[in-house]
Amino acid sequence: MAARGFAAEMEREKAKQRTRDALLARAKQGRVTGGVVFGYRNVPVHAGTDASGNPVRACVRHEIEPGEAEVVRAIFQMYVAGYGLKRIARTLNGDPASTAERAR
């Protein structure tokens, strides 16, 4: 039983590593590896059509969402300017004191 348990654990580790490798390869190709990321939209890439004429999705890629990208740039600018995370959050949430400081 101990040997089977060890073999099962080794297979789980191999599966985990294969999953990581596959996700890393997808990310390097610019493909979405799961979920939605603020500042981007997920855009399906079609590889043609099936027998019924329906599009067949090959993969999904990120495309910059201009409005959200401006917010991301503002966050980075505030961080570089020395703002802490709480201050950035307050500014983004419209705290009047933080907004006035940012305008200076």
PDB file of N, CA and C in Angstrom:
ATOM      1  N   MET A   1       0.822  -1.184   0.000  1.00  0.00           N
ATOM      2  CA  MET A   1       0.000   0.000   0.000  1.00  0.00           C
ATOM      3  C   MET A   1       0.873   1.257   0.000  1.00  0.00           C
ATOM      4  N   ALA A   2       1.988   1.216   0.720  1.00  0.00           N
ATOM      5  CA  ALA A   2       2.896   2.361   0.767  1.00  0.00           C
ATOM      6  C   ALA A   2       3.469   2.635  -0.624  1.00  0.00           C
ATOM      7  N   ALA A   3       3.797   1.579  -1.359  1.00  0.00           N
ATOM      8  CA  ALA A   3       4.352   1.749  -2.703  1.00  0.00           C
ATOM      9  C   ALA A   3       3.325   2.371  -3.637  1.00  0.00           C
ATOM     10  N   ARG A   4       2.065   1.939  -3.522  1.00  0.00           N
ATOM     11  CA  ARG A   4       1.010   2.534  -4.363  1.00  0.00           C
ATOM     12  C   ARG A   4       0.804   4.006  -4.021  1.00  0.00           C
ATOM     13  N   GLY A   5       0.842   4.305  -2.735  1.00  0.00           N
ATOM     14  CA  GLY A   5       0.698   5.690  -2.298  1.00  0.00           C
ATOM     15  C   GLY A   5       1.813   6.561  -2.837  1.00  0.00           C
ATOM     16  N   PHE A   6       3.046   6.037  -2.796  1.00  0.00           N
ATOM     17  CA  PHE A   6       4.193   6.769  -3.324  1.00  0.00           C
ATOM     18  C   PHE A   6       4.057   6.968  -4.830  1.00  0.00           C
ATOM     19  N   ALA A   7       3.643   5.944  -5.543  1.00  0.00           N
ATOM     20  CA  ALA A   7       3.469   6.046  -7.003  1.00  0.00           C
ATOM     21  C   ALA A   7       2.392   7.064  -7.350  1.00  0.00           C
ATOM     22  N   ALA A   8       1.306   7.073  -6.584  1.00  0.00           N
ATOM     23  CA  ALA A   8       0.230   8.034  -6.833  1.00  0.00           C
ATOM     24  C   ALA A   8       0.708   9.461  -6.578  1.00  0.00           C
ATOM     25  N   GLU A   9       1.498   9.636  -5.528  1.00  0.00           N
ATOM     26  CA  GLU A   9       2.037  10.966  -5.227  1.00  0.00           C
ATOM     27  C   GLU A   9       2.969  11.438  -6.340  1.00  0.00           C
ATOM     28  N   MET A  10       3.782  10.541  -6.856  1.00  0.00           N
ATOM     29  CA  MET A  10       4.695  10.893  -7.953  1.00  0.00           C
ATOM     30  C   MET A  10       3.906  11.283  -9.203  1.00  0.00           C
ATOM     31  N   GLU A  11       2.822  10.563  -9.488  1.00  0.00           N
ATOM     32  CA  GLU A  11       2.001  10.893 -10.653  1.00  0.00           C
ATOM     33  C   GLU A  11       1.337  12.249 -10.483  1.00  0.00           C
ATOM     34  N   ARG A  12       0.890  12.566  -9.275  1.00  0.00           N
ATOM     35  CA  ARG A  12       0.299  13.891  -9.015  1.00  0.00           C
ATOM     36  C   ARG A  12       1.324  14.991  -9.248  1.00  0.00           C
ATOM     37  N   GLU A  13       2.543  14.779  -8.800  1.00  0.00           N
ATOM     38  CA  GLU A  13       3.610  15.771  -9.011  1.00  0.00           C
ATOM     39  C   GLU A  13       3.894  15.953 -10.498  1.00  0.00           C
ATOM     40  N   LYS A  14       3.928  14.841 -11.251  1.00  0.00           N
ATOM     41  CA  LYS A  14       4.164  14.927 -12.702  1.00  0.00           C
ATOM     42  C   LYS A  14       3.024  15.683 -13.379  1.00  0.00           C
ATOM     43  N   ALA A  15       1.790  15.403 -12.973  1.00  0.00           N
ATOM     44  CA  ALA A  15       0.635  16.085 -13.561  1.00  0.00           C
ATOM     45  C   ALA A  15       0.683  17.578 -13.254  1.00  0.00           C
ATOM     46  N   LYS A  16       1.057  17.913 -12.033  1.00  0.00           N
ATOM     47  CA  LYS A  16       1.171  19.317 -11.642  1.00  0.00           C
ATOM     48  C   LYS A  16       2.225  20.028 -12.498  1.00  0.00           C
ATOM     49  N   GLN A  17       3.359  19.374 -12.704  1.00  0.00           N
ATOM     50  CA  GLN A  17       4.428  19.972 -13.506  1.00  0.00           C
ATOM     51  C   GLN A  17       4.006  20.104 -14.972  1.00  0.00           C
ATOM     52  N   ARG A  18       3.318  19.103 -15.511  1.00  0.00           N
ATOM     53  CA  ARG A  18       2.841  19.184 -16.899  1.00  0.00           C
ATOM     54  C   ARG A  18       1.868  20.347 -17.067  1.00  0.00           C
ATOM     55  N   THR A  19       0.990  20.530 -16.070  1.00  0.00           N
ATOM     56  CA  THR A  19       0.030  21.638 -16.123  1.00  0.00           C
ATOM     57  C   THR A  19       0.748  22.973 -16.109  1.00  0.00           C
ATOM     58  N   ARG A  20       1.706  23.134 -15.218  1.00  0.00           N
ATOM     59  CA  ARG A  20       2.486  24.385 -15.154  1.00  0.00           C
ATOM     60  C   ARG A  20       3.206  24.647 -16.469  1.00  0.00           C
ATOM     61  N   ASP A  21       3.834  23.629 -17.015  1.00  0.00           N
ATOM     62  CA  ASP A  21       4.570  23.783 -18.272  1.00  0.00           C
ATOM     63  C   ASP A  21       3.636  24.202 -19.412  1.00  0.00           C
ATOM     64  N   ALA A  22       2.455  23.576 -19.470  1.00  0.00           N
ATOM     65  CA  ALA A  22       1.496  23.901 -20.527  1.00  0.00           C
ATOM     66  C   ALA A  22       0.990  25.335 -20.383  1.00  0.00           C
ATOM     67  N   LEU A  23       0.682  25.772 -19.162  1.00  0.00           N
ATOM     68  CA  LEU A  23       0.218  27.144 -18.949  1.00  0.00           C
ATOM     69  C   LEU A  23       1.311  28.154 -19.270  1.00  0.00           C
ATOM     70  N   LEU A  24       2.537  27.841 -18.918  1.00  0.00           N
ATOM     71  CA  LEU A  24       3.660  28.732 -19.232  1.00  0.00           C
ATOM     72  C   LEU A  24       3.840  28.849 -20.740  1.00  0.00           C
ATOM     73  N   ALA A  25       3.751  27.738 -21.449  1.00  0.00           N
ATOM     74  CA  ALA A  25       3.877  27.767 -22.911  1.00  0.00           C
ATOM     75  C   ALA A  25       2.764  28.603 -23.536  1.00  0.00           C
ATOM     76  N   ARG A  26       1.536  28.463 -23.045  1.00  0.00           N
ATOM     77  CA  ARG A  26       0.412  29.260 -23.560  1.00  0.00           C
ATOM     78  C   ARG A  26       0.647  30.739 -23.301  1.00  0.00           C
ATOM     79  N   ALA A  27       1.109  31.078 -22.101  1.00  0.00           N
ATOM     80  CA  ALA A  27       1.358  32.477 -21.760  1.00  0.00           C
ATOM     81  C   ALA A  27       2.446  33.074 -22.654  1.00  0.00           C
ATOM     82  N   LYS A  28       3.500  32.303 -22.932  1.00  0.00           N
ATOM     83  CA  LYS A  28       4.574  32.797 -23.802  1.00  0.00           C
ATOM     84  C   LYS A  28       4.090  33.026 -25.225  1.00  0.00           C
ATOM     85  N   GLN A  29       3.051  32.311 -25.629  1.00  0.00           N
ATOM     86  CA  GLN A  29       2.467  32.484 -26.966  1.00  0.00           C
ATOM     87  C   GLN A  29       1.457  33.627 -26.998  1.00  0.00           C
ATOM     88  N   GLY A  30       1.214  34.265 -25.843  1.00  0.00           N
ATOM     89  CA  GLY A  30       0.263  35.365 -25.772  1.00  0.00           C
ATOM     90  C   GLY A  30      -1.174  34.916 -25.636  1.00  0.00           C
ATOM     91  N   ARG A  31      -1.384  33.670 -25.280  1.00  0.00           N
ATOM     92  CA  ARG A  31      -2.740  33.131 -25.127  1.00  0.00           C
ATOM     93  C   ARG A  31      -3.213  33.288 -23.696  1.00  0.00           C
ATOM     94  N   VAL A  32      -4.512  33.362 -23.506  1.00  0.00           N
ATOM     95  CA  VAL A  32      -5.107  33.464 -22.184  1.00  0.00           C
ATOM     96  C   VAL A  32      -4.950  32.124 -21.469  1.00  0.00           C
ATOM     97  N   THR A  33      -4.536  32.186 -20.221  1.00  0.00           N
ATOM     98  CA  THR A  33      -4.356  30.961 -19.445  1.00  0.00           C
ATOM     99  C   THR A  33      -5.471  30.766 -18.438  1.00  0.00           C
ATOM    100  N   GLY A  34      -6.461  31.654 -18.462  1.00  0.00           N
ATOM    101  CA  GLY A  34      -7.621  31.501 -17.589  1.00  0.00           C
ATOM    102  C   GLY A  34      -8.060  32.818 -16.991  1.00  0.00           C
ATOM    103  N   GLY A  35      -9.343  33.034 -16.947  1.00  0.00           N
ATOM    104  CA  GLY A  35      -9.890  34.204 -16.278  1.00  0.00           C
ATOM    105  C   GLY A  35      -9.811  35.478 -17.096  1.00  0.00           C
ATOM    106  N   VAL A  36     -10.260  36.560 -16.454  1.00  0.00           N
ATOM    107  CA  VAL A  36     -10.284  37.876 -17.057  1.00  0.00           C
ATOM    108  C   VAL A  36      -9.292  38.752 -16.299  1.00  0.00           C
ATOM    109  N   VAL A  37      -8.500  39.543 -17.019  1.00  0.00           N
ATOM    110  CA  VAL A  37      -7.505  40.408 -16.419  1.00  0.00           C
ATOM    111  C   VAL A  37      -7.921  41.858 -16.647  1.00  0.00           C
ATOM    112  N   PHE A  38      -7.927  42.665 -15.575  1.00  0.00           N
ATOM    113  CA  PHE A  38      -8.296  44.073 -15.698  1.00  0.00           C
ATOM    114  C   PHE A  38      -7.308  44.769 -16.631  1.00  0.00           C
ATOM    115  N   GLY A  39      -7.822  45.530 -17.579  1.00  0.00           N
ATOM    116  CA  GLY A  39      -6.993  46.223 -18.554  1.00  0.00           C
ATOM    117  C   GLY A  39      -6.967  45.514 -19.897  1.00  0.00           C
ATOM    118  N   TYR A  40      -7.510  44.307 -19.937  1.00  0.00           N
ATOM    119  CA  TYR A  40      -7.548  43.519 -21.169  1.00  0.00           C
ATOM    120  C   TYR A  40      -8.934  42.928 -21.365  1.00  0.00           C
ATOM    121  N   ARG A  41      -9.240  42.582 -22.592  1.00  0.00           N
ATOM    122  CA  ARG A  41     -10.444  41.797 -22.873  1.00  0.00           C
ATOM    123  C   ARG A  41      -9.987  40.500 -23.525  1.00  0.00           C
ATOM    124  N   ASN A  42     -10.738  39.453 -23.327  1.00  0.00           N
ATOM    125  CA  ASN A  42     -10.432  38.158 -23.937  1.00  0.00           C
ATOM    126  C   ASN A  42     -11.089  38.104 -25.315  1.00  0.00           C
ATOM    127  N   VAL A  43     -10.282  37.850 -26.331  1.00  0.00           N
ATOM    128  CA  VAL A  43     -10.782  37.817 -27.701  1.00  0.00           C
ATOM    129  C   VAL A  43     -10.524  36.425 -28.278  1.00  0.00           C
ATOM    130  N   PRO A  44     -11.589  35.729 -28.685  1.00  0.00           N
ATOM    131  CA  PRO A  44     -11.388  34.394 -29.270  1.00  0.00           C
ATOM    132  C   PRO A  44     -10.744  34.481 -30.650  1.00  0.00           C
ATOM    133  N   VAL A  45      -9.863  33.546 -30.919  1.00  0.00           N
ATOM    134  CA  VAL A  45      -9.230  33.417 -32.236  1.00  0.00           C
ATOM    135  C   VAL A  45      -9.823  32.176 -32.875  1.00  0.00           C
ATOM    136  N   HIS A  46     -10.427  32.350 -34.044  1.00  0.00           N
ATOM    137  CA  HIS A  46     -11.112  31.235 -34.706  1.00  0.00           C
ATOM    138  C   HIS A  46     -10.201  30.565 -35.730  1.00  0.00           C
ATOM    139  N   ALA A  47     -10.309  29.253 -35.816  1.00  0.00           N
ATOM    140  CA  ALA A  47      -9.472  28.457 -36.712  1.00  0.00           C
ATOM    141  C   ALA A  47     -10.245  27.977 -37.931  1.00  0.00           C
ATOM    142  N   GLY A  48     -11.410  28.534 -38.161  1.00  0.00           N
ATOM    143  CA  GLY A  48     -12.227  28.092 -39.286  1.00  0.00           C
ATOM    144  C   GLY A  48     -13.631  27.784 -38.806  1.00  0.00           C
ATOM    145  N   THR A  49     -14.305  26.925 -39.539  1.00  0.00           N
ATOM    146  CA  THR A  49     -15.674  26.568 -39.170  1.00  0.00           C
ATOM    147  C   THR A  49     -15.828  25.053 -39.144  1.00  0.00           C
ATOM    148  N   ASP A  50     -16.840  24.617 -38.405  1.00  0.00           N
ATOM    149  CA  ASP A  50     -17.120  23.181 -38.362  1.00  0.00           C
ATOM    150  C   ASP A  50     -18.070  22.824 -39.506  1.00  0.00           C
ATOM    151  N   ALA A  51     -18.530  21.592 -39.533  1.00  0.00           N
ATOM    152  CA  ALA A  51     -19.392  21.108 -40.618  1.00  0.00           C
ATOM    153  C   ALA A  51     -20.708  21.878 -40.702  1.00  0.00           C
ATOM    154  N   SER A  52     -21.157  22.446 -39.586  1.00  0.00           N
ATOM    155  CA  SER A  52     -22.407  23.200 -39.568  1.00  0.00           C
ATOM    156  C   SER A  52     -22.215  24.669 -39.909  1.00  0.00           C
ATOM    157  N   GLY A  53     -20.974  25.090 -40.125  1.00  0.00           N
ATOM    158  CA  GLY A  53     -20.694  26.485 -40.428  1.00  0.00           C
ATOM    159  C   GLY A  53     -20.465  27.343 -39.202  1.00  0.00           C
ATOM    160  N   ASN A  54     -20.423  26.739 -38.026  1.00  0.00           N
ATOM    161  CA  ASN A  54     -20.155  27.485 -36.795  1.00  0.00           C
ATOM    162  C   ASN A  54     -18.651  27.700 -36.637  1.00  0.00           C
ATOM    163  N   PRO A  55     -18.237  28.881 -36.146  1.00  0.00           N
ATOM    164  CA  PRO A  55     -16.801  29.118 -35.958  1.00  0.00           C
ATOM    165  C   PRO A  55     -16.221  28.187 -34.896  1.00  0.00           C
ATOM    166  N   VAL A  56     -15.002  27.718 -35.155  1.00  0.00           N
ATOM    167  CA  VAL A  56     -14.289  26.851 -34.218  1.00  0.00           C
ATOM    168  C   VAL A  56     -13.201  27.688 -33.565  1.00  0.00           C
ATOM    169  N   ARG A  57     -13.265  27.791 -32.234  1.00  0.00           N
ATOM    170  CA  ARG A  57     -12.300  28.606 -31.506  1.00  0.00           C
ATOM    171  C   ARG A  57     -10.992  27.848 -31.343  1.00  0.00           C
ATOM    172  N   ALA A  58      -9.893  28.472 -31.772  1.00  0.00           N
ATOM    173  CA  ALA A  58      -8.576  27.858 -31.642  1.00  0.00           C
ATOM    174  C   ALA A  58      -7.955  28.195 -30.291  1.00  0.00           C
ATOM    175  N   CYS A  59      -8.085  29.447 -29.879  1.00  0.00           N
ATOM    176  CA  CYS A  59      -7.528  29.898 -28.608  1.00  0.00           C
ATOM    177  C   CYS A  59      -8.158  31.240 -28.263  1.00  0.00           C
ATOM    178  N   VAL A  60      -7.743  31.807 -27.158  1.00  0.00           N
ATOM    179  CA  VAL A  60      -8.209  33.125 -26.738  1.00  0.00           C
ATOM    180  C   VAL A  60      -6.979  33.968 -26.453  1.00  0.00           C
ATOM    181  N   ARG A  61      -6.971  35.204 -26.949  1.00  0.00           N
ATOM    182  CA  ARG A  61      -5.845  36.125 -26.742  1.00  0.00           C
ATOM    183  C   ARG A  61      -6.323  37.355 -25.977  1.00  0.00           C
ATOM    184  N   HIS A  62      -5.361  38.023 -25.317  1.00  0.00           N
ATOM    185  CA  HIS A  62      -5.652  39.288 -24.638  1.00  0.00           C
ATOM    186  C   HIS A  62      -5.591  40.424 -25.648  1.00  0.00           C
ATOM    187  N   GLU A  63      -6.494  41.377 -25.494  1.00  0.00           N
ATOM    188  CA  GLU A  63      -6.466  42.604 -26.283  1.00  0.00           C
ATOM    189  C   GLU A  63      -6.630  43.743 -25.277  1.00  0.00           C
ATOM    190  N   ILE A  64      -5.849  44.798 -25.428  1.00  0.00           N
ATOM    191  CA  ILE A  64      -5.904  45.911 -24.485  1.00  0.00           C
ATOM    192  C   ILE A  64      -7.271  46.581 -24.534  1.00  0.00           C
ATOM    193  N   GLU A  65      -7.842  46.828 -23.348  1.00  0.00           N
ATOM    194  CA  GLU A  65      -9.099  47.557 -23.188  1.00  0.00           C
ATOM    195  C   GLU A  65      -8.709  49.004 -22.867  1.00  0.00           C
ATOM    196  N   PRO A  66      -8.860  49.939 -23.823  1.00  0.00           N
ATOM    197  CA  PRO A  66      -8.320  51.293 -23.653  1.00  0.00           C
ATOM    198  C   PRO A  66      -8.742  52.011 -22.368  1.00  0.00           C
ATOM    199  N   GLY A  67     -10.013  51.975 -22.003  1.00  0.00           N
ATOM    200  CA  GLY A  67     -10.459  52.664 -20.796  1.00  0.00           C
ATOM    201  C   GLY A  67      -9.821  52.106 -19.538  1.00  0.00           C
ATOM    202  N   GLU A  68      -9.778  50.807 -19.437  1.00  0.00           N
ATOM    203  CA  GLU A  68      -9.177  50.159 -18.268  1.00  0.00           C
ATOM    204  C   GLU A  68      -7.664  50.330 -18.265  1.00  0.00           C
ATOM    205  N   ALA A  69      -7.052  50.378 -19.442  1.00  0.00           N
ATOM    206  CA  ALA A  69      -5.603  50.541 -19.532  1.00  0.00           C
ATOM    207  C   ALA A  69      -5.177  51.889 -18.955  1.00  0.00           C
ATOM    208  N   GLU A  70      -6.007  52.916 -19.125  1.00  0.00           N
ATOM    209  CA  GLU A  70      -5.696  54.225 -18.545  1.00  0.00           C
ATOM    210  C   GLU A  70      -5.647  54.143 -17.021  1.00  0.00           C
ATOM    211  N   VAL A  71      -6.557  53.385 -16.441  1.00  0.00           N
ATOM    212  CA  VAL A  71      -6.568  53.213 -14.982  1.00  0.00           C
ATOM    213  C   VAL A  71      -5.305  52.478 -14.540  1.00  0.00           C
ATOM    214  N   VAL A  72      -4.913  51.451 -15.280  1.00  0.00           N
ATOM    215  CA  VAL A  72      -3.699  50.696 -14.945  1.00  0.00           C
ATOM    216  C   VAL A  72      -2.482  51.611 -15.014  1.00  0.00           C
ATOM    217  N   ARG A  73      -2.396  52.449 -16.050  1.00  0.00           N
ATOM    218  CA  ARG A  73      -1.275  53.388 -16.169  1.00  0.00           C
ATOM    219  C   ARG A  73      -1.264  54.364 -14.996  1.00  0.00           C
ATOM    220  N   ALA A  74      -2.438  54.851 -14.613  1.00  0.00           N
ATOM    221  CA  ALA A  74      -2.525  55.780 -13.484  1.00  0.00           C
ATOM    222  C   ALA A  74      -2.044  55.120 -12.198  1.00  0.00           C
ATOM    223  N   ILE A  75      -2.409  53.862 -12.001  1.00  0.00           N
ATOM    224  CA  ILE A  75      -1.966  53.131 -10.808  1.00  0.00           C
ATOM    225  C   ILE A  75      -0.443  53.060 -10.776  1.00  0.00           C
ATOM    226  N   PHE A  76       0.167  52.709 -11.892  1.00  0.00           N
ATOM    227  CA  PHE A  76       1.628  52.614 -11.938  1.00  0.00           C
ATOM    228  C   PHE A  76       2.279  53.981 -11.724  1.00  0.00           C
ATOM    229  N   GLN A  77       1.705  55.035 -12.293  1.00  0.00           N
ATOM    230  CA  GLN A  77       2.249  56.381 -12.102  1.00  0.00           C
ATOM    231  C   GLN A  77       2.182  56.790 -10.637  1.00  0.00           C
ATOM    232  N   MET A  78       1.075  56.491  -9.974  1.00  0.00           N
ATOM    233  CA  MET A  78       0.952  56.815  -8.548  1.00  0.00           C
ATOM    234  C   MET A  78       1.960  56.025  -7.726  1.00  0.00           C
ATOM    235  N   TYR A  79       2.148  54.749  -8.081  1.00  0.00           N
ATOM    236  CA  TYR A  79       3.098  53.920  -7.341  1.00  0.00           C
ATOM    237  C   TYR A  79       4.521  54.455  -7.494  1.00  0.00           C
ATOM    238  N   VAL A  80       4.878  54.815  -8.717  1.00  0.00           N
ATOM    239  CA  VAL A  80       6.222  55.364  -8.973  1.00  0.00           C
ATOM    240  C   VAL A  80       6.397  56.689  -8.246  1.00  0.00           C
ATOM    241  N   ALA A  81       5.320  57.455  -8.109  1.00  0.00           N
ATOM    242  CA  ALA A  81       5.374  58.737  -7.417  1.00  0.00           C
ATOM    243  C   ALA A  81       5.469  58.568  -5.899  1.00  0.00           C
ATOM    244  N   GLY A  82       5.412  57.338  -5.417  1.00  0.00           N
ATOM    245  CA  GLY A  82       5.584  57.083  -3.995  1.00  0.00           C
ATOM    246  C   GLY A  82       4.309  56.835  -3.220  1.00  0.00           C
ATOM    247  N   TYR A  83       3.183  56.732  -3.899  1.00  0.00           N
ATOM    248  CA  TYR A  83       1.923  56.445  -3.221  1.00  0.00           C
ATOM    249  C   TYR A  83       1.940  55.018  -2.701  1.00  0.00           C
ATOM    250  N   GLY A  84       1.367  54.816  -1.528  1.00  0.00           N
ATOM    251  CA  GLY A  84       1.195  53.475  -0.986  1.00  0.00           C
ATOM    252  C   GLY A  84      -0.069  52.850  -1.550  1.00  0.00           C
ATOM    253  N   LEU A  85      -0.254  51.574  -1.287  1.00  0.00           N
ATOM    254  CA  LEU A  85      -1.412  50.866  -1.833  1.00  0.00           C
ATOM    255  C   LEU A  85      -2.734  51.434  -1.323  1.00  0.00           C
ATOM    256  N   LYS A  86      -2.797  51.778  -0.024  1.00  0.00           N
ATOM    257  CA  LYS A  86      -4.037  52.340   0.525  1.00  0.00           C
ATOM    258  C   LYS A  86      -4.349  53.687  -0.115  1.00  0.00           C
ATOM    259  N   ARG A  87      -3.339  54.492  -0.303  1.00  0.00           N
ATOM    260  CA  ARG A  87      -3.549  55.819  -0.891  1.00  0.00           C
ATOM    261  C   ARG A  87      -4.000  55.699  -2.350  1.00  0.00           C
ATOM    262  N   ILE A  88      -3.417  54.761  -3.063  1.00  0.00           N
ATOM    263  CA  ILE A  88      -3.842  54.529  -4.448  1.00  0.00           C
ATOM    264  C   ILE A  88      -5.299  54.097  -4.471  1.00  0.00           C
ATOM    265  N   ALA A  89      -5.675  53.178  -3.584  1.00  0.00           N
ATOM    266  CA  ALA A  89      -7.064  52.703  -3.526  1.00  0.00           C
ATOM    267  C   ALA A  89      -8.008  53.842  -3.192  1.00  0.00           C
ATOM    268  N   ARG A  90      -7.631  54.660  -2.224  1.00  0.00           N
ATOM    269  CA  ARG A  90      -8.486  55.802  -1.864  1.00  0.00           C
ATOM    270  C   ARG A  90      -8.649  56.754  -3.046  1.00  0.00           C
ATOM    271  N   THR A  91      -7.576  57.001  -3.761  1.00  0.00           N
ATOM    272  CA  THR A  91      -7.639  57.885  -4.921  1.00  0.00           C
ATOM    273  C   THR A  91      -8.566  57.307  -5.985  1.00  0.00           C
ATOM    274  N   LEU A  92      -8.420  56.026  -6.265  1.00  0.00           N
ATOM    275  CA  LEU A  92      -9.264  55.385  -7.275  1.00  0.00           C
ATOM    276  C   LEU A  92     -10.730  55.351  -6.852  1.00  0.00           C
ATOM    277  N   ASN A  93     -10.984  55.275  -5.553  1.00  0.00           N
ATOM    278  CA  ASN A  93     -12.356  55.241  -5.050  1.00  0.00           C
ATOM    279  C   ASN A  93     -12.958  56.626  -4.904  1.00  0.00           C
ATOM    280  N   GLY A  94     -12.191  57.665  -5.248  1.00  0.00           N
ATOM    281  CA  GLY A  94     -12.736  59.013  -5.248  1.00  0.00           C
ATOM    282  C   GLY A  94     -12.704  59.718  -3.915  1.00  0.00           C
ATOM    283  N   ASP A  95     -11.805  59.331  -3.005  1.00  0.00           N
ATOM    284  CA  ASP A  95     -11.664  60.032  -1.727  1.00  0.00           C
ATOM    285  C   ASP A  95     -11.221  61.464  -2.021  1.00  0.00           C
ATOM    286  N   PRO A  96     -11.998  62.481  -1.619  1.00  0.00           N
ATOM    287  CA  PRO A  96     -11.679  63.870  -1.952  1.00  0.00           C
ATOM    288  C   PRO A  96     -10.288  64.301  -1.505  1.00  0.00           C
ATOM    289  N   ALA A  97      -9.831  63.876  -0.330  1.00  0.00           N
ATOM    290  CA  ALA A  97      -8.511  64.280   0.150  1.00  0.00           C
ATOM    291  C   ALA A  97      -7.409  63.718  -0.741  1.00  0.00           C
ATOM    292  N   SER A  98      -7.533  62.463  -1.142  1.00  0.00           N
ATOM    293  CA  SER A  98      -6.524  61.823  -1.990  1.00  0.00           C
ATOM    294  C   SER A  98      -6.521  62.425  -3.380  1.00  0.00           C
ATOM    295  N   THR A  99      -7.710  62.748  -3.907  1.00  0.00           N
ATOM    296  CA  THR A  99      -7.812  63.324  -5.236  1.00  0.00           C
ATOM    297  C   THR A  99      -7.170  64.695  -5.278  1.00  0.00           C
ATOM    298  N   ALA A 100      -7.354  65.493  -4.232  1.00  0.00           N
ATOM    299  CA  ALA A 100      -6.753  66.822  -4.166  1.00  0.00           C
ATOM    300  C   ALA A 100      -5.244  66.728  -4.124  1.00  0.00           C
ATOM    301  N   GLU A 101      -4.700  65.768  -3.351  1.00  0.00           N
ATOM    302  CA  GLU A 101      -3.256  65.584  -3.265  1.00  0.00           C
ATOM    303  C   GLU A 101      -2.679  65.175  -4.616  1.00  0.00           C
ATOM    304  N   ARG A 102      -3.396  64.327  -5.329  1.00  0.00           N
ATOM    305  CA  ARG A 102      -2.914  63.834  -6.611  1.00  0.00           C
ATOM    306  C   ARG A 102      -2.855  64.947  -7.636  1.00  0.00           C
ATOM    307  N   ALA A 103      -3.758  65.929  -7.542  1.00  0.00           N
ATOM    308  CA  ALA A 103      -3.815  67.016  -8.512  1.00  0.00           C
ATOM    309  C   ALA A 103      -2.629  67.957  -8.360  1.00  0.00           C
ATOM    310  N   ARG A 104      -1.994  67.966  -7.182  1.00  0.00           N
ATOM    311  CA  ARG A 104      -0.852  68.873  -6.976  1.00  0.00           C
ATOM    312  C   ARG A 104       0.305  68.530  -7.833  1.00  0.00           C
TER     313      ARG A 104
END
